[in-house]
Amino acid sequence: LDSFAGSGTTGAVAHKMNRRWIMVELGEHTHTHIIPRLRKVIEGEDRGGVTTDANWKGGGGFRYFRVAPSLLEKDLYG
């Protein structure tokens, strides 16, 4: 679990090591950094990190969810 996903490193490494992972990100990093990076990991195009040690060639997938509006802002219901 990475509750501050940032650039997606935790998910990328965990995926290459065939582990389950969950990342959470509030900012637009999800669209600008994380999703493009994970697509490269799945396609076998991300050659950094543990790629060689894990003998990573690509594969797998991920699901992306939008959960709810921020709890830090007041909505119509207060």
PDB file of N, CA and C in Angstrom:
ATOM      1  N   LEU A   1       0.849  -1.177   0.000  1.00  0.00           N
ATOM      2  CA  LEU A   1       0.000   0.000   0.000  1.00  0.00           C
ATOM      3  C   LEU A   1       0.888   1.231   0.000  1.00  0.00           C
ATOM      4  N   ASP A   2       0.697   2.084  -0.968  1.00  0.00           N
ATOM      5  CA  ASP A   2       1.405   3.358  -1.034  1.00  0.00           C
ATOM      6  C   ASP A   2       0.342   4.443  -1.079  1.00  0.00           C
ATOM      7  N   SER A   3       0.124   5.113   0.039  1.00  0.00           N
ATOM      8  CA  SER A   3      -0.948   6.100   0.115  1.00  0.00           C
ATOM      9  C   SER A   3      -0.541   7.463  -0.439  1.00  0.00           C
ATOM     10  N   PHE A   4       0.702   7.604  -0.877  1.00  0.00           N
ATOM     11  CA  PHE A   4       1.175   8.803  -1.555  1.00  0.00           C
ATOM     12  C   PHE A   4       1.952   8.339  -2.789  1.00  0.00           C
ATOM     13  N   ALA A   5       1.241   7.926  -3.820  1.00  0.00           N
ATOM     14  CA  ALA A   5       1.833   7.220  -4.948  1.00  0.00           C
ATOM     15  C   ALA A   5       2.851   8.029  -5.742  1.00  0.00           C
ATOM     16  N   GLY A   6       2.715   9.327  -5.812  1.00  0.00           N
ATOM     17  CA  GLY A   6       3.708  10.159  -6.500  1.00  0.00           C
ATOM     18  C   GLY A   6       3.939   9.784  -7.941  1.00  0.00           C
ATOM     19  N   SER A   7       5.081   9.188  -8.243  1.00  0.00           N
ATOM     20  CA  SER A   7       5.397   8.807  -9.624  1.00  0.00           C
ATOM     21  C   SER A   7       5.120   7.341  -9.905  1.00  0.00           C
ATOM     22  N   GLY A   8       4.658   6.585  -8.914  1.00  0.00           N
ATOM     23  CA  GLY A   8       4.274   5.192  -9.130  1.00  0.00           C
ATOM     24  C   GLY A   8       5.370   4.170  -8.933  1.00  0.00           C
ATOM     25  N   THR A   9       6.461   4.552  -8.300  1.00  0.00           N
ATOM     26  CA  THR A   9       7.583   3.627  -8.128  1.00  0.00           C
ATOM     27  C   THR A   9       7.194   2.385  -7.342  1.00  0.00           C
ATOM     28  N   THR A  10       6.460   2.547  -6.248  1.00  0.00           N
ATOM     29  CA  THR A  10       6.072   1.386  -5.433  1.00  0.00           C
ATOM     30  C   THR A  10       5.276   0.387  -6.257  1.00  0.00           C
ATOM     31  N   GLY A  11       4.305   0.865  -7.000  1.00  0.00           N
ATOM     32  CA  GLY A  11       3.495  -0.021  -7.833  1.00  0.00           C
ATOM     33  C   GLY A  11       4.307  -0.676  -8.934  1.00  0.00           C
ATOM     34  N   ALA A  12       5.212   0.071  -9.556  1.00  0.00           N
ATOM     35  CA  ALA A  12       6.040  -0.476 -10.632  1.00  0.00           C
ATOM     36  C   ALA A  12       6.930  -1.608 -10.117  1.00  0.00           C
ATOM     37  N   VAL A  13       7.584  -1.375  -8.982  1.00  0.00           N
ATOM     38  CA  VAL A  13       8.470  -2.400  -8.415  1.00  0.00           C
ATOM     39  C   VAL A  13       7.668  -3.612  -7.948  1.00  0.00           C
ATOM     40  N   ALA A  14       6.578  -3.366  -7.235  1.00  0.00           N
ATOM     41  CA  ALA A  14       5.752  -4.484  -6.753  1.00  0.00           C
ATOM     42  C   ALA A  14       5.219  -5.303  -7.919  1.00  0.00           C
ATOM     43  N   HIS A  15       4.803  -4.644  -8.985  1.00  0.00           N
ATOM     44  CA  HIS A  15       4.268  -5.353 -10.153  1.00  0.00           C
ATOM     45  C   HIS A  15       5.338  -6.254 -10.777  1.00  0.00           C
ATOM     46  N   LYS A  16       6.535  -5.721 -10.927  1.00  0.00           N
ATOM     47  CA  LYS A  16       7.628  -6.504 -11.509  1.00  0.00           C
ATOM     48  C   LYS A  16       8.013  -7.690 -10.622  1.00  0.00           C
ATOM     49  N   MET A  17       7.749  -7.574  -9.317  1.00  0.00           N
ATOM     50  CA  MET A  17       8.080  -8.652  -8.394  1.00  0.00           C
ATOM     51  C   MET A  17       6.886  -9.586  -8.171  1.00  0.00           C
ATOM     52  N   ASN A  18       5.855  -9.437  -9.032  1.00  0.00           N
ATOM     53  CA  ASN A  18       4.647 -10.272  -8.970  1.00  0.00           C
ATOM     54  C   ASN A  18       3.950 -10.198  -7.617  1.00  0.00           C
ATOM     55  N   ARG A  19       3.898  -9.003  -7.055  1.00  0.00           N
ATOM     56  CA  ARG A  19       3.189  -8.785  -5.789  1.00  0.00           C
ATOM     57  C   ARG A  19       1.955  -7.948  -6.044  1.00  0.00           C
ATOM     58  N   ARG A  20       0.988  -8.087  -5.173  1.00  0.00           N
ATOM     59  CA  ARG A  20      -0.210  -7.251  -5.254  1.00  0.00           C
ATOM     60  C   ARG A  20       0.112  -5.888  -4.663  1.00  0.00           C
ATOM     61  N   TRP A  21      -0.514  -4.867  -5.191  1.00  0.00           N
ATOM     62  CA  TRP A  21      -0.222  -3.526  -4.716  1.00  0.00           C
ATOM     63  C   TRP A  21      -1.449  -2.629  -4.842  1.00  0.00           C
ATOM     64  N   ILE A  22      -1.476  -1.595  -4.015  1.00  0.00           N
ATOM     65  CA  ILE A  22      -2.515  -0.572  -4.065  1.00  0.00           C
ATOM     66  C   ILE A  22      -1.806   0.766  -3.913  1.00  0.00           C
ATOM     67  N   MET A  23      -2.146   1.700  -4.773  1.00  0.00           N
ATOM     68  CA  MET A  23      -1.610   3.048  -4.661  1.00  0.00           C
ATOM     69  C   MET A  23      -2.769   4.037  -4.602  1.00  0.00           C
ATOM     70  N   VAL A  24      -2.561   5.125  -3.885  1.00  0.00           N
ATOM     71  CA  VAL A  24      -3.564   6.177  -3.758  1.00  0.00           C
ATOM     72  C   VAL A  24      -2.879   7.493  -4.103  1.00  0.00           C
ATOM     73  N   GLU A  25      -3.526   8.303  -4.926  1.00  0.00           N
ATOM     74  CA  GLU A  25      -2.971   9.613  -5.268  1.00  0.00           C
ATOM     75  C   GLU A  25      -4.110  10.606  -5.426  1.00  0.00           C
ATOM     76  N   LEU A  26      -3.995  11.754  -4.798  1.00  0.00           N
ATOM     77  CA  LEU A  26      -5.020  12.788  -4.884  1.00  0.00           C
ATOM     78  C   LEU A  26      -4.797  13.736  -6.056  1.00  0.00           C
ATOM     79  N   GLY A  27      -3.570  13.928  -6.468  1.00  0.00           N
ATOM     80  CA  GLY A  27      -3.254  14.896  -7.505  1.00  0.00           C
ATOM     81  C   GLY A  27      -3.392  14.344  -8.906  1.00  0.00           C
ATOM     82  N   GLU A  28      -3.074  15.191  -9.862  1.00  0.00           N
ATOM     83  CA  GLU A  28      -3.125  14.803 -11.268  1.00  0.00           C
ATOM     84  C   GLU A  28      -1.977  13.881 -11.664  1.00  0.00           C
ATOM     85  N   HIS A  29      -1.078  13.577 -10.708  1.00  0.00           N
ATOM     86  CA  HIS A  29       0.018  12.647 -10.989  1.00  0.00           C
ATOM     87  C   HIS A  29      -0.508  11.314 -11.512  1.00  0.00           C
ATOM     88  N   THR A  30      -1.724  10.987 -11.132  1.00  0.00           N
ATOM     89  CA  THR A  30      -2.311   9.732 -11.592  1.00  0.00           C
ATOM     90  C   THR A  30      -2.313   9.679 -13.111  1.00  0.00           C
ATOM     91  N   HIS A  31      -2.713  10.760 -13.741  1.00  0.00           N
ATOM     92  CA  HIS A  31      -2.828  10.790 -15.201  1.00  0.00           C
ATOM     93  C   HIS A  31      -1.525  11.152 -15.895  1.00  0.00           C
ATOM     94  N   THR A  32      -0.721  11.999 -15.260  1.00  0.00           N
ATOM     95  CA  THR A  32       0.494  12.472 -15.922  1.00  0.00           C
ATOM     96  C   THR A  32       1.709  11.576 -15.690  1.00  0.00           C
ATOM     97  N   HIS A  33       1.738  10.833 -14.588  1.00  0.00           N
ATOM     98  CA  HIS A  33       2.913  10.035 -14.269  1.00  0.00           C
ATOM     99  C   HIS A  33       2.627   8.549 -14.054  1.00  0.00           C
ATOM    100  N   ILE A  34       1.655   8.256 -13.191  1.00  0.00           N
ATOM    101  CA  ILE A  34       1.458   6.868 -12.749  1.00  0.00           C
ATOM    102  C   ILE A  34       0.923   5.965 -13.854  1.00  0.00           C
ATOM    103  N   ILE A  35      -0.183   6.349 -14.471  1.00  0.00           N
ATOM    104  CA  ILE A  35      -0.771   5.491 -15.511  1.00  0.00           C
ATOM    105  C   ILE A  35       0.193   5.277 -16.676  1.00  0.00           C
ATOM    106  N   PRO A  36       0.837   6.339 -17.212  1.00  0.00           N
ATOM    107  CA  PRO A  36       1.805   6.085 -18.292  1.00  0.00           C
ATOM    108  C   PRO A  36       2.947   5.168 -17.866  1.00  0.00           C
ATOM    109  N   ARG A  37       3.426   5.333 -16.635  1.00  0.00           N
ATOM    110  CA  ARG A  37       4.520   4.482 -16.162  1.00  0.00           C
ATOM    111  C   ARG A  37       4.087   3.031 -16.045  1.00  0.00           C
ATOM    112  N   LEU A  38       2.920   2.787 -15.459  1.00  0.00           N
ATOM    113  CA  LEU A  38       2.451   1.409 -15.309  1.00  0.00           C
ATOM    114  C   LEU A  38       2.179   0.751 -16.659  1.00  0.00           C
ATOM    115  N   ARG A  39       1.728   1.517 -17.622  1.00  0.00           N
ATOM    116  CA  ARG A  39       1.538   0.962 -18.972  1.00  0.00           C
ATOM    117  C   ARG A  39       2.869   0.503 -19.556  1.00  0.00           C
ATOM    118  N   LYS A  40       3.928   1.280 -19.322  1.00  0.00           N
ATOM    119  CA  LYS A  40       5.262   0.882 -19.794  1.00  0.00           C
ATOM    120  C   LYS A  40       5.731  -0.381 -19.079  1.00  0.00           C
ATOM    121  N   VAL A  41       5.454  -0.476 -17.787  1.00  0.00           N
ATOM    122  CA  VAL A  41       5.830  -1.679 -17.025  1.00  0.00           C
ATOM    123  C   VAL A  41       5.132  -2.899 -17.623  1.00  0.00           C
ATOM    124  N   ILE A  42       3.846  -2.793 -17.862  1.00  0.00           N
ATOM    125  CA  ILE A  42       3.060  -3.915 -18.388  1.00  0.00           C
ATOM    126  C   ILE A  42       3.504  -4.308 -19.794  1.00  0.00           C
ATOM    127  N   GLU A  43       3.869  -3.305 -20.588  1.00  0.00           N
ATOM    128  CA  GLU A  43       4.324  -3.579 -21.959  1.00  0.00           C
ATOM    129  C   GLU A  43       5.780  -4.018 -22.018  1.00  0.00           C
ATOM    130  N   GLY A  44       6.450  -4.043 -20.860  1.00  0.00           N
ATOM    131  CA  GLY A  44       7.847  -4.465 -20.815  1.00  0.00           C
ATOM    132  C   GLY A  44       8.810  -3.398 -21.289  1.00  0.00           C
ATOM    133  N   GLU A  45       8.371  -2.155 -21.345  1.00  0.00           N
ATOM    134  CA  GLU A  45       9.202  -1.055 -21.846  1.00  0.00           C
ATOM    135  C   GLU A  45       9.912  -0.289 -20.737  1.00  0.00           C
ATOM    136  N   ASP A  46       9.598  -0.532 -19.481  1.00  0.00           N
ATOM    137  CA  ASP A  46      10.245   0.132 -18.356  1.00  0.00           C
ATOM    138  C   ASP A  46      11.420  -0.732 -17.919  1.00  0.00           C
ATOM    139  N   ARG A  47      12.618  -0.348 -18.297  1.00  0.00           N
ATOM    140  CA  ARG A  47      13.801  -1.181 -18.059  1.00  0.00           C
ATOM    141  C   ARG A  47      14.537  -0.832 -16.775  1.00  0.00           C
ATOM    142  N   GLY A  48      14.044   0.110 -15.988  1.00  0.00           N
ATOM    143  CA  GLY A  48      14.743   0.538 -14.781  1.00  0.00           C
ATOM    144  C   GLY A  48      14.440  -0.323 -13.572  1.00  0.00           C
ATOM    145  N   GLY A  49      15.067   0.077 -12.457  1.00  0.00           N
ATOM    146  CA  GLY A  49      14.777  -0.559 -11.168  1.00  0.00           C
ATOM    147  C   GLY A  49      15.130  -2.029 -11.104  1.00  0.00           C
ATOM    148  N   VAL A  50      14.176  -2.844 -10.687  1.00  0.00           N
ATOM    149  CA  VAL A  50      14.403  -4.278 -10.450  1.00  0.00           C
ATOM    150  C   VAL A  50      14.154  -5.137 -11.687  1.00  0.00           C
ATOM    151  N   THR A  51      14.035  -4.513 -12.849  1.00  0.00           N
ATOM    152  CA  THR A  51      13.705  -5.244 -14.077  1.00  0.00           C
ATOM    153  C   THR A  51      14.626  -6.436 -14.309  1.00  0.00           C
ATOM    154  N   THR A  52      15.921  -6.209 -14.237  1.00  0.00           N
ATOM    155  CA  THR A  52      16.881  -7.287 -14.482  1.00  0.00           C
ATOM    156  C   THR A  52      16.848  -8.326 -13.378  1.00  0.00           C
ATOM    157  N   ASP A  53      16.862  -7.869 -12.119  1.00  0.00           N
ATOM    158  CA  ASP A  53      16.853  -8.802 -10.984  1.00  0.00           C
ATOM    159  C   ASP A  53      15.598  -9.664 -10.956  1.00  0.00           C
ATOM    160  N   ALA A  54      14.467  -9.081 -11.347  1.00  0.00           N
ATOM    161  CA  ALA A  54      13.198  -9.811 -11.334  1.00  0.00           C
ATOM    162  C   ALA A  54      12.947 -10.541 -12.659  1.00  0.00           C
ATOM    163  N   ASN A  55      13.883 -10.385 -13.610  1.00  0.00           N
ATOM    164  CA  ASN A  55      13.728 -10.987 -14.940  1.00  0.00           C
ATOM    165  C   ASN A  55      12.391 -10.576 -15.563  1.00  0.00           C
ATOM    166  N   TRP A  56      12.059  -9.295 -15.434  1.00  0.00           N
ATOM    167  CA  TRP A  56      10.769  -8.775 -15.886  1.00  0.00           C
ATOM    168  C   TRP A  56      10.748  -8.588 -17.391  1.00  0.00           C
ATOM    169  N   LYS A  57       9.728  -9.155 -18.031  1.00  0.00           N
ATOM    170  CA  LYS A  57       9.548  -9.041 -19.478  1.00  0.00           C
ATOM    171  C   LYS A  57       8.259  -8.323 -19.839  1.00  0.00           C
ATOM    172  N   GLY A  58       7.429  -8.051 -18.837  1.00  0.00           N
ATOM    173  CA  GLY A  58       6.141  -7.402 -19.089  1.00  0.00           C
ATOM    174  C   GLY A  58       4.997  -8.340 -18.768  1.00  0.00           C
ATOM    175  N   GLY A  59       3.798  -7.780 -18.727  1.00  0.00           N
ATOM    176  CA  GLY A  59       2.607  -8.566 -18.488  1.00  0.00           C
ATOM    177  C   GLY A  59       1.774  -8.048 -17.337  1.00  0.00           C
ATOM    178  N   GLY A  60       0.620  -8.642 -17.173  1.00  0.00           N
ATOM    179  CA  GLY A  60      -0.283  -8.260 -16.096  1.00  0.00           C
ATOM    180  C   GLY A  60      -1.166  -7.086 -16.476  1.00  0.00           C
ATOM    181  N   GLY A  61      -1.691  -6.437 -15.479  1.00  0.00           N
ATOM    182  CA  GLY A  61      -2.565  -5.299 -15.706  1.00  0.00           C
ATOM    183  C   GLY A  61      -2.883  -4.612 -14.395  1.00  0.00           C
ATOM    184  N   PHE A  62      -3.679  -3.567 -14.473  1.00  0.00           N
ATOM    185  CA  PHE A  62      -4.087  -2.849 -13.270  1.00  0.00           C
ATOM    186  C   PHE A  62      -5.465  -2.256 -13.480  1.00  0.00           C
ATOM    187  N   ARG A  63      -6.110  -1.938 -12.394  1.00  0.00           N
ATOM    188  CA  ARG A  63      -7.407  -1.264 -12.423  1.00  0.00           C
ATOM    189  C   ARG A  63      -7.243   0.101 -11.806  1.00  0.00           C
ATOM    190  N   TYR A  64      -7.959   1.039 -12.331  1.00  0.00           N
ATOM    191  CA  TYR A  64      -7.875   2.416 -11.869  1.00  0.00           C
ATOM    192  C   TYR A  64      -9.271   2.864 -11.472  1.00  0.00           C
ATOM    193  N   PHE A  65      -9.403   3.383 -10.274  1.00  0.00           N
ATOM    194  CA  PHE A  65     -10.708   3.821  -9.772  1.00  0.00           C
ATOM    195  C   PHE A  65     -10.628   5.266  -9.300  1.00  0.00           C
ATOM    196  N   ARG A  66     -11.696   5.984  -9.516  1.00  0.00           N
ATOM    197  CA  ARG A  66     -11.888   7.293  -8.904  1.00  0.00           C
ATOM    198  C   ARG A  66     -12.836   7.062  -7.756  1.00  0.00           C
ATOM    199  N   VAL A  67     -12.412   7.376  -6.553  1.00  0.00           N
ATOM    200  CA  VAL A  67     -13.223   6.994  -5.407  1.00  0.00           C
ATOM    201  C   VAL A  67     -14.300   8.008  -5.047  1.00  0.00           C
ATOM    202  N   ALA A  68     -13.928   9.151  -4.566  1.00  0.00           N
ATOM    203  CA  ALA A  68     -14.921  10.128  -4.122  1.00  0.00           C
ATOM    204  C   ALA A  68     -14.272  11.500  -4.104  1.00  0.00           C
ATOM    205  N   PRO A  69     -15.082  12.529  -4.043  1.00  0.00           N
ATOM    206  CA  PRO A  69     -14.508  13.872  -3.900  1.00  0.00           C
ATOM    207  C   PRO A  69     -13.712  13.961  -2.598  1.00  0.00           C
ATOM    208  N   SER A  70     -12.841  14.904  -2.543  1.00  0.00           N
ATOM    209  CA  SER A  70     -11.987  15.082  -1.376  1.00  0.00           C
ATOM    210  C   SER A  70     -12.808  15.339  -0.119  1.00  0.00           C
ATOM    211  N   LEU A  71     -12.391  14.730   0.974  1.00  0.00           N
ATOM    212  CA  LEU A  71     -13.033  14.978   2.266  1.00  0.00           C
ATOM    213  C   LEU A  71     -12.503  16.276   2.885  1.00  0.00           C
ATOM    214  N   LEU A  72     -11.518  16.871   2.237  1.00  0.00           N
ATOM    215  CA  LEU A  72     -10.934  18.092   2.766  1.00  0.00           C
ATOM    216  C   LEU A  72     -11.684  19.339   2.306  1.00  0.00           C
ATOM    217  N   GLU A  73     -12.611  19.174   1.381  1.00  0.00           N
ATOM    218  CA  GLU A  73     -13.370  20.302   0.873  1.00  0.00           C
ATOM    219  C   GLU A  73     -14.849  20.125   1.222  1.00  0.00           C
ATOM    220  N   LYS A  74     -15.516  21.221   1.484  1.00  0.00           N
ATOM    221  CA  LYS A  74     -16.958  21.134   1.757  1.00  0.00           C
ATOM    222  C   LYS A  74     -17.703  20.958   0.442  1.00  0.00           C
ATOM    223  N   ASP A  75     -18.654  20.049   0.448  1.00  0.00           N
ATOM    224  CA  ASP A  75     -19.496  19.857  -0.727  1.00  0.00           C
ATOM    225  C   ASP A  75     -20.874  20.473  -0.444  1.00  0.00           C
ATOM    226  N   LEU A  76     -21.836  20.160  -1.276  1.00  0.00           N
ATOM    227  CA  LEU A  76     -23.184  20.716  -1.113  1.00  0.00           C
ATOM    228  C   LEU A  76     -23.835  20.329   0.209  1.00  0.00           C
ATOM    229  N   TYR A  77     -23.377  19.230   0.796  1.00  0.00           N
ATOM    230  CA  TYR A  77     -23.980  18.708   2.013  1.00  0.00           C
ATOM    231  C   TYR A  77     -23.187  19.063   3.257  1.00  0.00           C
ATOM    232  N   GLY A  78     -22.146  19.868   3.098  1.00  0.00           N
ATOM    233  CA  GLY A  78     -21.352  20.302   4.251  1.00  0.00           C
ATOM    234  C   GLY A  78     -20.307  19.291   4.620  1.00  0.00           C
TER     235      GLY A  78
END
